[in-house]
């Protein structure tokens, strides 16, 4: 499972609100809701978020992967 909890922590640390994501940066409210619920999002959305954060940020700063309990090995 990919979790986006780190995204909201990073945004807060950078002084970027969810409100500014959709009013100033063009991230749709539905995408923000999907991120909050750890649902699937496109690589376009992830790219947009990293561009908003700027240089020096990577996927590791906004997402965390943990294997599913029922994943086949």
PDB file of N, CA and C in Angstrom:
ATOM      1  N   UNK A   1       0.846  -1.176   0.000  1.00  0.00           N
ATOM      2  CA  UNK A   1       0.000   0.000   0.000  1.00  0.00           C
ATOM      3  C   UNK A   1       0.890   1.237   0.000  1.00  0.00           C
ATOM      4  N   UNK A   2       0.474   2.211  -0.739  1.00  0.00           N
ATOM      5  CA  UNK A   2       1.189   3.485  -0.754  1.00  0.00           C
ATOM      6  C   UNK A   2       0.370   4.477   0.061  1.00  0.00           C
ATOM      7  N   UNK A   3       1.022   5.077   1.041  1.00  0.00           N
ATOM      8  CA  UNK A   3       0.361   6.047   1.917  1.00  0.00           C
ATOM      9  C   UNK A   3       0.934   7.434   1.652  1.00  0.00           C
ATOM     10  N   UNK A   4       0.070   8.433   1.705  1.00  0.00           N
ATOM     11  CA  UNK A   4       0.459   9.806   1.426  1.00  0.00           C
ATOM     12  C   UNK A   4       0.448  10.691   2.674  1.00  0.00           C
ATOM     13  N   UNK A   5       0.541  10.078   3.844  1.00  0.00           N
ATOM     14  CA  UNK A   5       0.557  10.855   5.083  1.00  0.00           C
ATOM     15  C   UNK A   5       1.739  11.830   5.113  1.00  0.00           C
ATOM     16  N   UNK A   6       2.861  11.395   4.570  1.00  0.00           N
ATOM     17  CA  UNK A   6       4.054  12.244   4.541  1.00  0.00           C
ATOM     18  C   UNK A   6       3.815  13.518   3.731  1.00  0.00           C
ATOM     19  N   UNK A   7       2.974  13.426   2.703  1.00  0.00           N
ATOM     20  CA  UNK A   7       2.684  14.587   1.865  1.00  0.00           C
ATOM     21  C   UNK A   7       2.129  15.725   2.695  1.00  0.00           C
ATOM     22  N   UNK A   8       1.147  15.426   3.517  1.00  0.00           N
ATOM     23  CA  UNK A   8       0.480  16.488   4.273  1.00  0.00           C
ATOM     24  C   UNK A   8       1.392  17.063   5.358  1.00  0.00           C
ATOM     25  N   UNK A   9       2.257  16.243   5.891  1.00  0.00           N
ATOM     26  CA  UNK A   9       3.263  16.740   6.845  1.00  0.00           C
ATOM     27  C   UNK A   9       4.253  17.658   6.128  1.00  0.00           C
ATOM     28  N   UNK A  10       4.713  17.244   4.961  1.00  0.00           N
ATOM     29  CA  UNK A  10       5.659  18.047   4.188  1.00  0.00           C
ATOM     30  C   UNK A  10       5.034  19.363   3.746  1.00  0.00           C
ATOM     31  N   UNK A  11       3.783  19.305   3.294  1.00  0.00           N
ATOM     32  CA  UNK A  11       3.091  20.533   2.895  1.00  0.00           C
ATOM     33  C   UNK A  11       2.995  21.506   4.064  1.00  0.00           C
ATOM     34  N   UNK A  12       2.643  21.001   5.230  1.00  0.00           N
ATOM     35  CA  UNK A  12       2.519  21.852   6.410  1.00  0.00           C
ATOM     36  C   UNK A  12       3.864  22.488   6.757  1.00  0.00           C
ATOM     37  N   UNK A  13       4.927  21.688   6.711  1.00  0.00           N
ATOM     38  CA  UNK A  13       6.261  22.206   7.011  1.00  0.00           C
ATOM     39  C   UNK A  13       6.683  23.297   6.026  1.00  0.00           C
ATOM     40  N   UNK A  14       6.210  23.199   4.788  1.00  0.00           N
ATOM     41  CA  UNK A  14       6.556  24.179   3.754  1.00  0.00           C
ATOM     42  C   UNK A  14       5.569  25.351   3.703  1.00  0.00           C
ATOM     43  N   UNK A  15       4.562  25.323   4.562  1.00  0.00           N
ATOM     44  CA  UNK A  15       3.590  26.414   4.606  1.00  0.00           C
ATOM     45  C   UNK A  15       2.622  26.417   3.430  1.00  0.00           C
ATOM     46  N   UNK A  16       2.355  25.245   2.873  1.00  0.00           N
ATOM     47  CA  UNK A  16       1.438  25.126   1.739  1.00  0.00           C
ATOM     48  C   UNK A  16       0.153  24.462   2.237  1.00  0.00           C
ATOM     49  N   UNK A  17      -0.949  25.173   2.114  1.00  0.00           N
ATOM     50  CA  UNK A  17      -2.227  24.628   2.591  1.00  0.00           C
ATOM     51  C   UNK A  17      -2.937  23.855   1.485  1.00  0.00           C
ATOM     52  N   UNK A  18      -3.873  23.024   1.891  1.00  0.00           N
ATOM     53  CA  UNK A  18      -4.698  22.305   0.917  1.00  0.00           C
ATOM     54  C   UNK A  18      -5.499  23.298   0.082  1.00  0.00           C
ATOM     55  N   UNK A  19      -5.926  24.374   0.703  1.00  0.00           N
ATOM     56  CA  UNK A  19      -6.676  25.410  -0.004  1.00  0.00           C
ATOM     57  C   UNK A  19      -5.840  26.001  -1.139  1.00  0.00           C
ATOM     58  N   UNK A  20      -4.571  26.269  -0.867  1.00  0.00           N
ATOM     59  CA  UNK A  20      -3.727  26.839  -1.919  1.00  0.00           C
ATOM     60  C   UNK A  20      -3.430  25.822  -3.014  1.00  0.00           C
ATOM     61  N   UNK A  21      -3.446  24.526  -2.692  1.00  0.00           N
ATOM     62  CA  UNK A  21      -3.220  23.514  -3.724  1.00  0.00           C
ATOM     63  C   UNK A  21      -4.261  23.620  -4.826  1.00  0.00           C
ATOM     64  N   UNK A  22      -5.523  23.803  -4.453  1.00  0.00           N
ATOM     65  CA  UNK A  22      -6.532  23.856  -5.506  1.00  0.00           C
ATOM     66  C   UNK A  22      -6.839  25.254  -5.998  1.00  0.00           C
ATOM     67  N   UNK A  23      -6.576  26.294  -5.213  1.00  0.00           N
ATOM     68  CA  UNK A  23      -6.864  27.639  -5.708  1.00  0.00           C
ATOM     69  C   UNK A  23      -5.685  28.249  -6.470  1.00  0.00           C
ATOM     70  N   UNK A  24      -4.462  27.959  -6.055  1.00  0.00           N
ATOM     71  CA  UNK A  24      -3.287  28.581  -6.676  1.00  0.00           C
ATOM     72  C   UNK A  24      -2.514  27.641  -7.589  1.00  0.00           C
ATOM     73  N   UNK A  25      -2.589  26.346  -7.319  1.00  0.00           N
ATOM     74  CA  UNK A  25      -1.720  25.418  -8.032  1.00  0.00           C
ATOM     75  C   UNK A  25      -2.463  24.452  -8.954  1.00  0.00           C
ATOM     76  N   UNK A  26      -3.781  24.485  -8.961  1.00  0.00           N
ATOM     77  CA  UNK A  26      -4.557  23.686  -9.910  1.00  0.00           C
ATOM     78  C   UNK A  26      -4.729  22.219  -9.579  1.00  0.00           C
ATOM     79  N   UNK A  27      -4.470  21.812  -8.342  1.00  0.00           N
ATOM     80  CA  UNK A  27      -4.723  20.434  -7.938  1.00  0.00           C
ATOM     81  C   UNK A  27      -6.206  20.337  -7.594  1.00  0.00           C
ATOM     82  N   UNK A  28      -6.899  19.392  -8.195  1.00  0.00           N
ATOM     83  CA  UNK A  28      -8.342  19.308  -7.962  1.00  0.00           C
ATOM     84  C   UNK A  28      -8.645  18.830  -6.541  1.00  0.00           C
ATOM     85  N   UNK A  29      -9.788  19.233  -6.063  1.00  0.00           N
ATOM     86  CA  UNK A  29     -10.219  18.813  -4.727  1.00  0.00           C
ATOM     87  C   UNK A  29     -10.375  17.301  -4.655  1.00  0.00           C
ATOM     88  N   UNK A  30     -10.819  16.703  -5.745  1.00  0.00           N
ATOM     89  CA  UNK A  30     -10.983  15.250  -5.743  1.00  0.00           C
ATOM     90  C   UNK A  30      -9.633  14.548  -5.625  1.00  0.00           C
ATOM     91  N   UNK A  31      -8.588  15.091  -6.226  1.00  0.00           N
ATOM     92  CA  UNK A  31      -7.261  14.502  -6.096  1.00  0.00           C
ATOM     93  C   UNK A  31      -6.741  14.636  -4.670  1.00  0.00           C
ATOM     94  N   UNK A  32      -6.990  15.764  -4.051  1.00  0.00           N
ATOM     95  CA  UNK A  32      -6.583  15.959  -2.655  1.00  0.00           C
ATOM     96  C   UNK A  32      -7.305  14.950  -1.764  1.00  0.00           C
ATOM     97  N   UNK A  33      -8.587  14.745  -2.026  1.00  0.00           N
ATOM     98  CA  UNK A  33      -9.359  13.772  -1.240  1.00  0.00           C
ATOM     99  C   UNK A  33      -8.822  12.359  -1.448  1.00  0.00           C
ATOM    100  N   UNK A  34      -8.461  12.021  -2.684  1.00  0.00           N
ATOM    101  CA  UNK A  34      -7.892  10.704  -2.968  1.00  0.00           C
ATOM    102  C   UNK A  34      -6.576  10.524  -2.213  1.00  0.00           C
ATOM    103  N   UNK A  35      -5.759  11.555  -2.180  1.00  0.00           N
ATOM    104  CA  UNK A  35      -4.491  11.496  -1.446  1.00  0.00           C
ATOM    105  C   UNK A  35      -4.737  11.322   0.051  1.00  0.00           C
ATOM    106  N   UNK A  36      -5.705  12.046   0.583  1.00  0.00           N
ATOM    107  CA  UNK A  36      -6.017  11.939   2.012  1.00  0.00           C
ATOM    108  C   UNK A  36      -6.497  10.541   2.383  1.00  0.00           C
ATOM    109  N   UNK A  37      -7.154   9.865   1.440  1.00  0.00           N
ATOM    110  CA  UNK A  37      -7.688   8.523   1.688  1.00  0.00           C
ATOM    111  C   UNK A  37      -6.745   7.426   1.200  1.00  0.00           C
ATOM    112  N   UNK A  38      -5.524   7.799   0.836  1.00  0.00           N
ATOM    113  CA  UNK A  38      -4.513   6.852   0.345  1.00  0.00           C
ATOM    114  C   UNK A  38      -5.031   6.015  -0.820  1.00  0.00           C
ATOM    115  N   UNK A  39      -5.791   6.643  -1.702  1.00  0.00           N
ATOM    116  CA  UNK A  39      -6.283   5.980  -2.899  1.00  0.00           C
ATOM    117  C   UNK A  39      -5.317   6.246  -4.054  1.00  0.00           C
ATOM    118  N   UNK A  40      -5.546   5.578  -5.171  1.00  0.00           N
ATOM    119  CA  UNK A  40      -4.625   5.729  -6.298  1.00  0.00           C
ATOM    120  C   UNK A  40      -4.743   7.119  -6.928  1.00  0.00           C
ATOM    121  N   UNK A  41      -3.595   7.641  -7.331  1.00  0.00           N
ATOM    122  CA  UNK A  41      -3.515   8.903  -8.062  1.00  0.00           C
ATOM    123  C   UNK A  41      -2.564   8.698  -9.230  1.00  0.00           C
ATOM    124  N   UNK A  42      -2.630   9.580 -10.189  1.00  0.00           N
ATOM    125  CA  UNK A  42      -1.784   9.448 -11.372  1.00  0.00           C
ATOM    126  C   UNK A  42      -0.380   9.975 -11.099  1.00  0.00           C
ATOM    127  N   UNK A  43       0.530   9.538 -11.943  1.00  0.00           N
ATOM    128  CA  UNK A  43       1.893  10.071 -11.845  1.00  0.00           C
ATOM    129  C   UNK A  43       1.905  11.560 -12.189  1.00  0.00           C
ATOM    130  N   UNK A  44       0.950  11.994 -12.988  1.00  0.00           N
ATOM    131  CA  UNK A  44       0.826  13.431 -13.289  1.00  0.00           C
ATOM    132  C   UNK A  44       0.584  14.228 -12.005  1.00  0.00           C
ATOM    133  N   UNK A  45      -0.291  13.725 -11.158  1.00  0.00           N
ATOM    134  CA  UNK A  45      -0.582  14.395  -9.888  1.00  0.00           C
ATOM    135  C   UNK A  45       0.654  14.420  -8.996  1.00  0.00           C
ATOM    136  N   UNK A  46       1.360  13.295  -8.913  1.00  0.00           N
ATOM    137  CA  UNK A  46       2.570  13.244  -8.092  1.00  0.00           C
ATOM    138  C   UNK A  46       3.618  14.208  -8.628  1.00  0.00           C
ATOM    139  N   UNK A  47       3.767  14.263  -9.942  1.00  0.00           N
ATOM    140  CA  UNK A  47       4.709  15.188 -10.560  1.00  0.00           C
ATOM    141  C   UNK A  47       4.336  16.638 -10.252  1.00  0.00           C
ATOM    142  N   UNK A  48       3.053  16.953 -10.331  1.00  0.00           N
ATOM    143  CA  UNK A  48       2.572  18.300 -10.039  1.00  0.00           C
ATOM    144  C   UNK A  48       2.901  18.688  -8.589  1.00  0.00           C
ATOM    145  N   UNK A  49       2.673  17.773  -7.661  1.00  0.00           N
ATOM    146  CA  UNK A  49       2.948  18.052  -6.248  1.00  0.00           C
ATOM    147  C   UNK A  49       4.433  18.289  -6.006  1.00  0.00           C
ATOM    148  N   UNK A  50       5.276  17.476  -6.628  1.00  0.00           N
ATOM    149  CA  UNK A  50       6.720  17.657  -6.452  1.00  0.00           C
ATOM    150  C   UNK A  50       7.190  18.964  -7.077  1.00  0.00           C
ATOM    151  N   UNK A  51       6.598  19.374  -8.187  1.00  0.00           N
ATOM    152  CA  UNK A  51       6.938  20.673  -8.777  1.00  0.00           C
ATOM    153  C   UNK A  51       6.495  21.822  -7.880  1.00  0.00           C
ATOM    154  N   UNK A  52       5.361  21.660  -7.210  1.00  0.00           N
ATOM    155  CA  UNK A  52       4.888  22.683  -6.268  1.00  0.00           C
ATOM    156  C   UNK A  52       5.860  22.805  -5.099  1.00  0.00           C
ATOM    157  N   UNK A  53       6.328  21.669  -4.591  1.00  0.00           N
ATOM    158  CA  UNK A  53       7.269  21.679  -3.469  1.00  0.00           C
ATOM    159  C   UNK A  53       8.625  22.233  -3.879  1.00  0.00           C
ATOM    160  N   UNK A  54       9.053  21.947  -5.094  1.00  0.00           N
ATOM    161  CA  UNK A  54      10.294  22.522  -5.602  1.00  0.00           C
ATOM    162  C   UNK A  54      11.481  21.582  -5.534  1.00  0.00           C
ATOM    163  N   UNK A  55      12.639  22.130  -5.872  1.00  0.00           N
ATOM    164  CA  UNK A  55      13.878  21.353  -5.915  1.00  0.00           C
ATOM    165  C   UNK A  55      14.190  20.717  -4.575  1.00  0.00           C
ATOM    166  N   UNK A  56      14.765  19.537  -4.642  1.00  0.00           N
ATOM    167  CA  UNK A  56      15.199  18.852  -3.431  1.00  0.00           C
ATOM    168  C   UNK A  56      14.183  17.889  -2.854  1.00  0.00           C
ATOM    169  N   UNK A  57      12.965  17.882  -3.379  1.00  0.00           N
ATOM    170  CA  UNK A  57      11.940  16.974  -2.873  1.00  0.00           C
ATOM    171  C   UNK A  57      11.797  15.779  -3.817  1.00  0.00           C
ATOM    172  N   UNK A  58      11.561  14.612  -3.230  1.00  0.00           N
ATOM    173  CA  UNK A  58      11.405  13.384  -4.009  1.00  0.00           C
ATOM    174  C   UNK A  58      10.122  12.687  -3.579  1.00  0.00           C
ATOM    175  N   UNK A  59       9.823  11.581  -4.247  1.00  0.00           N
ATOM    176  CA  UNK A  59       8.644  10.794  -3.864  1.00  0.00           C
ATOM    177  C   UNK A  59       8.720  10.330  -2.416  1.00  0.00           C
ATOM    178  N   UNK A  60       9.918  10.099  -1.927  1.00  0.00           N
ATOM    179  CA  UNK A  60      10.077   9.669  -0.529  1.00  0.00           C
ATOM    180  C   UNK A  60       9.611  10.732   0.460  1.00  0.00           C
ATOM    181  N   UNK A  61       9.546  11.986   0.026  1.00  0.00           N
ATOM    182  CA  UNK A  61       9.093  13.063   0.901  1.00  0.00           C
ATOM    183  C   UNK A  61       7.573  13.158   0.964  1.00  0.00           C
ATOM    184  N   UNK A  62       6.884  12.507   0.023  1.00  0.00           N
ATOM    185  CA  UNK A  62       5.428  12.646  -0.027  1.00  0.00           C
ATOM    186  C   UNK A  62       4.682  11.322   0.057  1.00  0.00           C
ATOM    187  N   UNK A  63       5.389  10.204  -0.075  1.00  0.00           N
ATOM    188  CA  UNK A  63       4.706   8.910  -0.064  1.00  0.00           C
ATOM    189  C   UNK A  63       5.561   7.866   0.643  1.00  0.00           C
ATOM    190  N   UNK A  64       4.869   6.847   1.136  1.00  0.00           N
ATOM    191  CA  UNK A  64       5.548   5.748   1.818  1.00  0.00           C
ATOM    192  C   UNK A  64       4.911   4.434   1.366  1.00  0.00           C
ATOM    193  N   UNK A  65       5.755   3.483   0.990  1.00  0.00           N
ATOM    194  CA  UNK A  65       5.271   2.191   0.552  1.00  0.00           C
ATOM    195  C   UNK A  65       5.409   1.183   1.689  1.00  0.00           C
ATOM    196  N   UNK A  66       4.327   0.447   1.942  1.00  0.00           N
ATOM    197  CA  UNK A  66       4.372  -0.683   2.859  1.00  0.00           C
ATOM    198  C   UNK A  66       3.686  -1.847   2.157  1.00  0.00           C
ATOM    199  N   UNK A  67       4.318  -3.022   2.161  1.00  0.00           N
ATOM    200  CA  UNK A  67       3.709  -4.175   1.492  1.00  0.00           C
ATOM    201  C   UNK A  67       2.344  -4.522   2.087  1.00  0.00           C
ATOM    202  N   UNK A  68       1.444  -4.948   1.218  1.00  0.00           N
ATOM    203  CA  UNK A  68       0.134  -5.405   1.685  1.00  0.00           C
ATOM    204  C   UNK A  68       0.315  -6.701   2.475  1.00  0.00           C
ATOM    205  N   UNK A  69      -0.514  -6.905   3.469  1.00  0.00           N
ATOM    206  CA  UNK A  69      -0.443  -8.125   4.277  1.00  0.00           C
ATOM    207  C   UNK A  69      -0.738  -9.365   3.452  1.00  0.00           C
ATOM    208  N   UNK A  70      -1.595  -9.226   2.465  1.00  0.00           N
ATOM    209  CA  UNK A  70      -2.012 -10.385   1.682  1.00  0.00           C
ATOM    210  C   UNK A  70      -1.266 -10.496   0.355  1.00  0.00           C
ATOM    211  N   UNK A  71      -0.157  -9.768   0.209  1.00  0.00           N
ATOM    212  CA  UNK A  71       0.594  -9.820  -1.053  1.00  0.00           C
ATOM    213  C   UNK A  71       1.230 -11.195  -1.225  1.00  0.00           C
ATOM    214  N   UNK A  72       1.156 -11.690  -2.455  1.00  0.00           N
ATOM    215  CA  UNK A  72       1.765 -12.986  -2.755  1.00  0.00           C
ATOM    216  C   UNK A  72       3.266 -12.820  -2.843  1.00  0.00           C
ATOM    217  N   UNK A  73       3.987 -13.835  -2.384  1.00  0.00           N
ATOM    218  CA  UNK A  73       5.442 -13.773  -2.429  1.00  0.00           C
ATOM    219  C   UNK A  73       5.974 -14.787  -3.398  1.00  0.00           C
TER     220      UNK A  73
END
